[in-house]
Amino acid sequence: MHVLRRLRTLATRHPHACLRVLGHLTGNCGRYWGLARHDAIIRDVIGTAATEDSATAEARRLVSAFAVDGFDFRDALNGDIRLESPLHED
C-alpha cells in the first residue's frame, strides 16, 4: 500500500518507471483480492502516467495486462482503449 501511494506521487515526474513497477503486479491472479483493495490508487497511477505522451502506449499495455487478471482500468485512459473484440461487419 505504501509503495502504491508513493507511485501515485511520482507518476507525473517518472511515468515510465511507475508503470514498470505496476507491471510487476500483473500476471498473478492469486493476488487478485490484495490488489482489488487498492484499485483506485492503481487507476490513479495509470491515469496520471498516461497523460505523458511518451508513456501512453506503455499504459495501454499495462491496462491490457491487468484486464487478463480481471481488472478494468480502461477509464484511466479516458476511454481511448478498446479491449473487446472488434465487431465484424458483413
Protein backbone atom coordinates (compact mmCIF):
# COMPACT_ATOMS: atom_id res chain seq x y z
CA MET A 1 0.00 0.00 0.00
CA HIS A 2 2.75 2.47 0.90
CA VAL A 3 4.54 1.71 -2.35
CA LEU A 4 1.37 2.34 -4.34
CA ARG A 5 0.80 5.66 -2.60
CA ARG A 6 4.37 6.67 -3.38
CA LEU A 7 3.92 5.67 -7.02
CA ARG A 8 0.90 7.96 -7.18
CA THR A 9 3.04 10.91 -6.12
CA LEU A 10 5.86 10.02 -8.53
CA ALA A 11 3.74 9.24 -11.60
CA THR A 12 3.85 12.77 -13.01
CA ARG A 13 7.64 13.03 -12.93
CA HIS A 14 8.52 9.39 -13.61
CA PRO A 15 5.65 7.85 -15.58
CA HIS A 16 7.64 5.06 -17.25
CA ALA A 17 9.25 3.89 -14.01
CA CYS A 18 5.91 3.88 -12.18
CA LEU A 19 4.22 1.89 -14.94
CA ARG A 20 7.07 -0.65 -14.90
CA VAL A 21 6.65 -1.11 -11.15
CA LEU A 22 2.91 -1.66 -11.59
CA GLY A 23 3.70 -4.17 -14.32
CA HIS A 24 5.22 -6.42 -11.68
CA LEU A 25 1.79 -6.75 -10.09
CA THR A 26 0.22 -8.30 -13.19
CA GLY A 27 0.16 -11.96 -14.13
CA ASN A 28 -0.58 -13.35 -10.70
CA CYS A 29 -4.31 -13.98 -10.26
CA GLY A 30 -3.59 -15.26 -6.75
CA ARG A 31 -3.08 -11.65 -5.65
CA TYR A 32 -6.44 -10.52 -7.03
CA TRP A 33 -8.08 -9.64 -3.71
CA GLY A 34 -4.96 -7.96 -2.40
CA LEU A 35 -4.84 -5.71 -5.45
CA ALA A 36 -8.59 -5.17 -5.63
CA ARG A 37 -8.44 -3.29 -2.32
CA HIS A 38 -6.12 -0.76 -3.94
CA ASP A 39 -7.65 -0.50 -7.41
CA ALA A 40 -8.37 3.24 -7.01
CA ILE A 41 -4.69 4.00 -6.39
CA ILE A 42 -3.60 1.77 -9.28
CA ARG A 43 -6.12 3.56 -11.54
CA ASP A 44 -4.74 6.94 -10.42
CA VAL A 45 -1.14 5.93 -11.17
CA ILE A 46 -2.06 4.64 -14.63
CA GLY A 47 -4.17 7.70 -15.40
CA THR A 48 -1.52 10.14 -14.24
CA ALA A 49 1.29 8.36 -16.08
CA ALA A 50 -0.81 8.08 -19.25
CA THR A 51 -1.04 11.88 -19.52
CA GLU A 52 2.61 11.84 -20.61
CA ASP A 53 2.52 11.26 -24.38
CA SER A 54 5.61 9.06 -24.34
CA ALA A 55 4.03 6.76 -21.73
CA THR A 56 0.60 6.31 -23.30
CA ALA A 57 1.45 3.11 -25.20
CA GLU A 58 3.04 1.60 -22.12
CA ALA A 59 -0.04 2.49 -20.06
CA ARG A 60 -2.29 0.81 -22.64
CA ARG A 61 -0.21 -2.38 -22.48
CA LEU A 62 -0.45 -2.31 -18.69
CA VAL A 63 -4.23 -1.86 -18.79
CA SER A 64 -4.42 -4.89 -21.09
CA ALA A 65 -2.23 -6.93 -18.74
CA PHE A 66 -4.44 -6.04 -15.79
CA ALA A 67 -7.53 -6.97 -17.85
CA VAL A 68 -6.20 -10.51 -18.19
CA ASP A 69 -6.13 -10.62 -14.38
CA GLY A 70 -9.74 -9.42 -14.16
CA PHE A 71 -9.27 -5.68 -13.61
CA ASP A 72 -10.79 -2.99 -15.83
CA PHE A 73 -8.68 0.16 -15.79
CA ARG A 74 -9.72 1.42 -19.22
CA ASP A 75 -11.29 4.50 -17.67
CA ALA A 76 -7.83 5.57 -16.52
CA LEU A 77 -7.06 6.12 -20.20
CA ASN A 78 -10.16 8.28 -20.77
CA GLY A 79 -11.83 5.61 -22.86
CA ASP A 80 -9.10 5.63 -25.51
CA ILE A 81 -8.65 1.88 -25.49
CA ARG A 82 -10.88 -0.93 -26.69
CA LEU A 83 -10.17 -4.26 -25.11
CA GLU A 84 -13.14 -6.08 -26.51
CA SER A 85 -13.04 -7.86 -29.87
CA PRO A 86 -13.78 -5.68 -32.89
CA LEU A 87 -17.23 -6.04 -34.36
CA HIS A 88 -17.38 -7.78 -37.71
CA GLU A 89 -19.36 -6.05 -40.39
CA ASP A 90 -20.98 -8.23 -43.03
